[in-house]
Amino acid sequence: MDFFKGLIPGAILTLVVGGILGVNHVRGGVLSVFHQTFHGFSFYWSWSLFLAGTLLSWALFAMSPK
């Protein structure tokens, strides 16, 4: 269950950081931010940033007392 809770902060982190880097036309090096369009909604996305953010938030949720 902690992993599914970690998906939301990971996605929010990716949208915010990807948006900041994408608007400034920066690829982010290893992050490789790219422009994505999904059903008329366009945004900047990075799979490596999403995985890192999700794993970090999953670890924080798993370590927190229940």
N, C-alpha and C. Protein backbone atom coordinates (compact mmCIF):
# COMPACT_ATOMS: atom_id res chain seq x y z
N MET A 1 0.82 -1.19 0.00
CA MET A 1 0.00 0.00 0.00
C MET A 1 0.86 1.26 0.00
N ASP A 2 2.04 1.18 0.65
CA ASP A 2 2.92 2.35 0.70
C ASP A 2 3.41 2.73 -0.69
N PHE A 3 3.61 1.74 -1.56
CA PHE A 3 4.06 2.03 -2.92
C PHE A 3 3.02 2.85 -3.68
N PHE A 4 1.76 2.48 -3.55
CA PHE A 4 0.70 3.21 -4.24
C PHE A 4 0.54 4.63 -3.69
N LYS A 5 0.78 4.80 -2.39
CA LYS A 5 0.78 6.14 -1.81
C LYS A 5 1.94 6.97 -2.37
N GLY A 6 3.04 6.32 -2.66
CA GLY A 6 4.23 7.00 -3.17
C GLY A 6 4.12 7.44 -4.61
N LEU A 7 3.17 6.89 -5.36
CA LEU A 7 3.00 7.28 -6.76
C LEU A 7 2.54 8.72 -6.91
N ILE A 8 1.69 9.17 -6.01
CA ILE A 8 1.15 10.54 -6.12
C ILE A 8 2.23 11.60 -5.90
N PRO A 9 3.01 11.54 -4.81
CA PRO A 9 4.08 12.54 -4.66
C PRO A 9 5.13 12.44 -5.76
N GLY A 10 5.40 11.22 -6.24
CA GLY A 10 6.36 11.05 -7.34
C GLY A 10 5.89 11.72 -8.61
N ALA A 11 4.61 11.61 -8.91
CA ALA A 11 4.05 12.24 -10.10
C ALA A 11 4.02 13.76 -9.95
N ILE A 12 3.66 14.24 -8.77
CA ILE A 12 3.62 15.69 -8.55
C ILE A 12 5.02 16.28 -8.66
N LEU A 13 6.00 15.62 -8.04
CA LEU A 13 7.38 16.08 -8.13
C LEU A 13 7.84 16.13 -9.59
N THR A 14 7.51 15.11 -10.36
CA THR A 14 7.92 15.05 -11.76
C THR A 14 7.26 16.15 -12.57
N LEU A 15 5.99 16.40 -12.35
CA LEU A 15 5.30 17.46 -13.10
C LEU A 15 5.85 18.84 -12.76
N VAL A 16 6.15 19.08 -11.50
CA VAL A 16 6.65 20.40 -11.10
C VAL A 16 8.08 20.61 -11.62
N VAL A 17 8.97 19.68 -11.32
CA VAL A 17 10.37 19.84 -11.76
C VAL A 17 10.48 19.76 -13.28
N GLY A 18 9.76 18.84 -13.89
CA GLY A 18 9.76 18.74 -15.35
C GLY A 18 9.20 19.98 -16.01
N GLY A 19 8.18 20.56 -15.42
CA GLY A 19 7.61 21.79 -15.95
C GLY A 19 8.57 22.96 -15.87
N ILE A 20 9.27 23.08 -14.75
CA ILE A 20 10.24 24.16 -14.60
C ILE A 20 11.39 23.99 -15.59
N LEU A 21 11.91 22.78 -15.70
CA LEU A 21 13.01 22.55 -16.64
C LEU A 21 12.55 22.65 -18.08
N GLY A 22 11.37 22.14 -18.39
CA GLY A 22 10.87 22.13 -19.76
C GLY A 22 10.57 23.51 -20.30
N VAL A 23 10.00 24.37 -19.48
CA VAL A 23 9.68 25.73 -19.91
C VAL A 23 10.96 26.50 -20.24
N ASN A 24 12.03 26.18 -19.53
CA ASN A 24 13.31 26.83 -19.78
C ASN A 24 14.13 26.12 -20.86
N HIS A 25 13.55 25.14 -21.53
CA HIS A 25 14.19 24.38 -22.62
C HIS A 25 15.48 23.70 -22.17
N VAL A 26 15.45 23.15 -20.97
CA VAL A 26 16.59 22.41 -20.44
C VAL A 26 16.21 20.93 -20.41
N ARG A 27 17.10 20.08 -20.88
CA ARG A 27 16.84 18.63 -20.87
C ARG A 27 17.07 18.00 -19.51
N GLY A 28 17.88 18.62 -18.67
CA GLY A 28 18.11 18.08 -17.33
C GLY A 28 19.14 16.99 -17.27
N GLY A 29 19.94 16.81 -18.30
CA GLY A 29 21.00 15.80 -18.29
C GLY A 29 20.44 14.39 -18.19
N VAL A 30 20.72 13.72 -17.09
CA VAL A 30 20.27 12.34 -16.89
C VAL A 30 18.75 12.26 -16.79
N LEU A 31 18.10 13.33 -16.38
CA LEU A 31 16.64 13.33 -16.23
C LEU A 31 15.94 13.20 -17.58
N SER A 32 16.54 13.71 -18.64
CA SER A 32 16.00 13.72 -20.01
C SER A 32 14.51 14.07 -20.03
N VAL A 33 14.23 15.31 -19.70
CA VAL A 33 12.87 15.83 -19.69
C VAL A 33 12.40 15.99 -21.14
N PHE A 34 11.20 15.53 -21.45
CA PHE A 34 10.66 15.64 -22.80
C PHE A 34 9.22 16.15 -22.76
N HIS A 35 8.79 16.70 -23.87
CA HIS A 35 7.44 17.25 -23.99
C HIS A 35 6.49 16.13 -24.39
N GLN A 36 5.39 16.00 -23.67
CA GLN A 36 4.43 14.93 -23.90
C GLN A 36 3.04 15.53 -24.09
N THR A 37 2.27 14.97 -25.01
CA THR A 37 0.88 15.38 -25.20
C THR A 37 -0.01 14.17 -25.01
N PHE A 38 -1.03 14.32 -24.17
CA PHE A 38 -1.94 13.21 -23.89
C PHE A 38 -3.37 13.74 -23.93
N HIS A 39 -4.12 13.33 -24.94
CA HIS A 39 -5.52 13.75 -25.13
C HIS A 39 -5.70 15.27 -25.06
N GLY A 40 -4.84 15.99 -25.74
CA GLY A 40 -4.94 17.44 -25.79
C GLY A 40 -4.31 18.17 -24.63
N PHE A 41 -3.80 17.46 -23.64
CA PHE A 41 -3.15 18.07 -22.48
C PHE A 41 -1.65 17.87 -22.65
N SER A 42 -0.88 18.95 -22.72
CA SER A 42 0.56 18.81 -22.90
C SER A 42 1.29 19.16 -21.61
N PHE A 43 2.36 18.43 -21.35
CA PHE A 43 3.15 18.62 -20.15
C PHE A 43 4.55 18.10 -20.41
N TYR A 44 5.46 18.40 -19.49
CA TYR A 44 6.83 17.90 -19.56
C TYR A 44 6.97 16.74 -18.58
N TRP A 45 7.69 15.69 -19.00
CA TRP A 45 7.77 14.48 -18.21
C TRP A 45 9.17 13.90 -18.24
N SER A 46 9.53 13.18 -17.20
CA SER A 46 10.81 12.49 -17.12
C SER A 46 10.60 11.18 -16.38
N TRP A 47 10.83 10.07 -17.05
CA TRP A 47 10.62 8.78 -16.41
C TRP A 47 11.63 8.52 -15.31
N SER A 48 12.87 8.94 -15.49
CA SER A 48 13.87 8.71 -14.45
C SER A 48 13.56 9.53 -13.20
N LEU A 49 13.09 10.76 -13.37
CA LEU A 49 12.69 11.57 -12.22
C LEU A 49 11.46 10.99 -11.54
N PHE A 50 10.52 10.47 -12.33
CA PHE A 50 9.33 9.85 -11.74
C PHE A 50 9.70 8.62 -10.91
N LEU A 51 10.59 7.78 -11.42
CA LEU A 51 11.00 6.60 -10.67
C LEU A 51 11.75 6.98 -9.39
N ALA A 52 12.65 7.95 -9.49
CA ALA A 52 13.40 8.38 -8.31
C ALA A 52 12.47 9.01 -7.27
N GLY A 53 11.55 9.86 -7.69
CA GLY A 53 10.61 10.48 -6.76
C GLY A 53 9.67 9.47 -6.12
N THR A 54 9.23 8.50 -6.91
CA THR A 54 8.33 7.47 -6.37
C THR A 54 9.05 6.58 -5.37
N LEU A 55 10.29 6.19 -5.69
CA LEU A 55 11.04 5.34 -4.76
C LEU A 55 11.37 6.10 -3.47
N LEU A 56 11.69 7.38 -3.58
CA LEU A 56 11.98 8.18 -2.39
C LEU A 56 10.74 8.31 -1.51
N SER A 57 9.61 8.64 -2.11
CA SER A 57 8.39 8.79 -1.29
C SER A 57 7.91 7.45 -0.76
N TRP A 58 8.11 6.38 -1.52
CA TRP A 58 7.76 5.04 -1.03
C TRP A 58 8.59 4.69 0.21
N ALA A 59 9.88 5.00 0.16
CA ALA A 59 10.75 4.72 1.30
C ALA A 59 10.32 5.55 2.51
N LEU A 60 9.96 6.80 2.29
CA LEU A 60 9.52 7.64 3.41
C LEU A 60 8.22 7.13 4.02
N PHE A 61 7.28 6.71 3.17
CA PHE A 61 6.03 6.15 3.69
C PHE A 61 6.27 4.82 4.41
N ALA A 62 7.20 4.02 3.90
CA ALA A 62 7.47 2.71 4.52
C ALA A 62 8.15 2.87 5.88
N MET A 63 8.97 3.92 6.04
CA MET A 63 9.67 4.13 7.30
C MET A 63 8.83 4.81 8.36
N SER A 64 7.77 5.48 7.92
CA SER A 64 6.95 6.22 8.88
C SER A 64 6.12 5.24 9.73
N PRO A 65 5.91 5.59 10.99
CA PRO A 65 5.12 4.68 11.86
C PRO A 65 3.67 4.64 11.40
N LYS A 66 3.08 3.50 11.53
CA LYS A 66 1.70 3.30 11.07
C LYS A 66 0.72 3.62 12.15
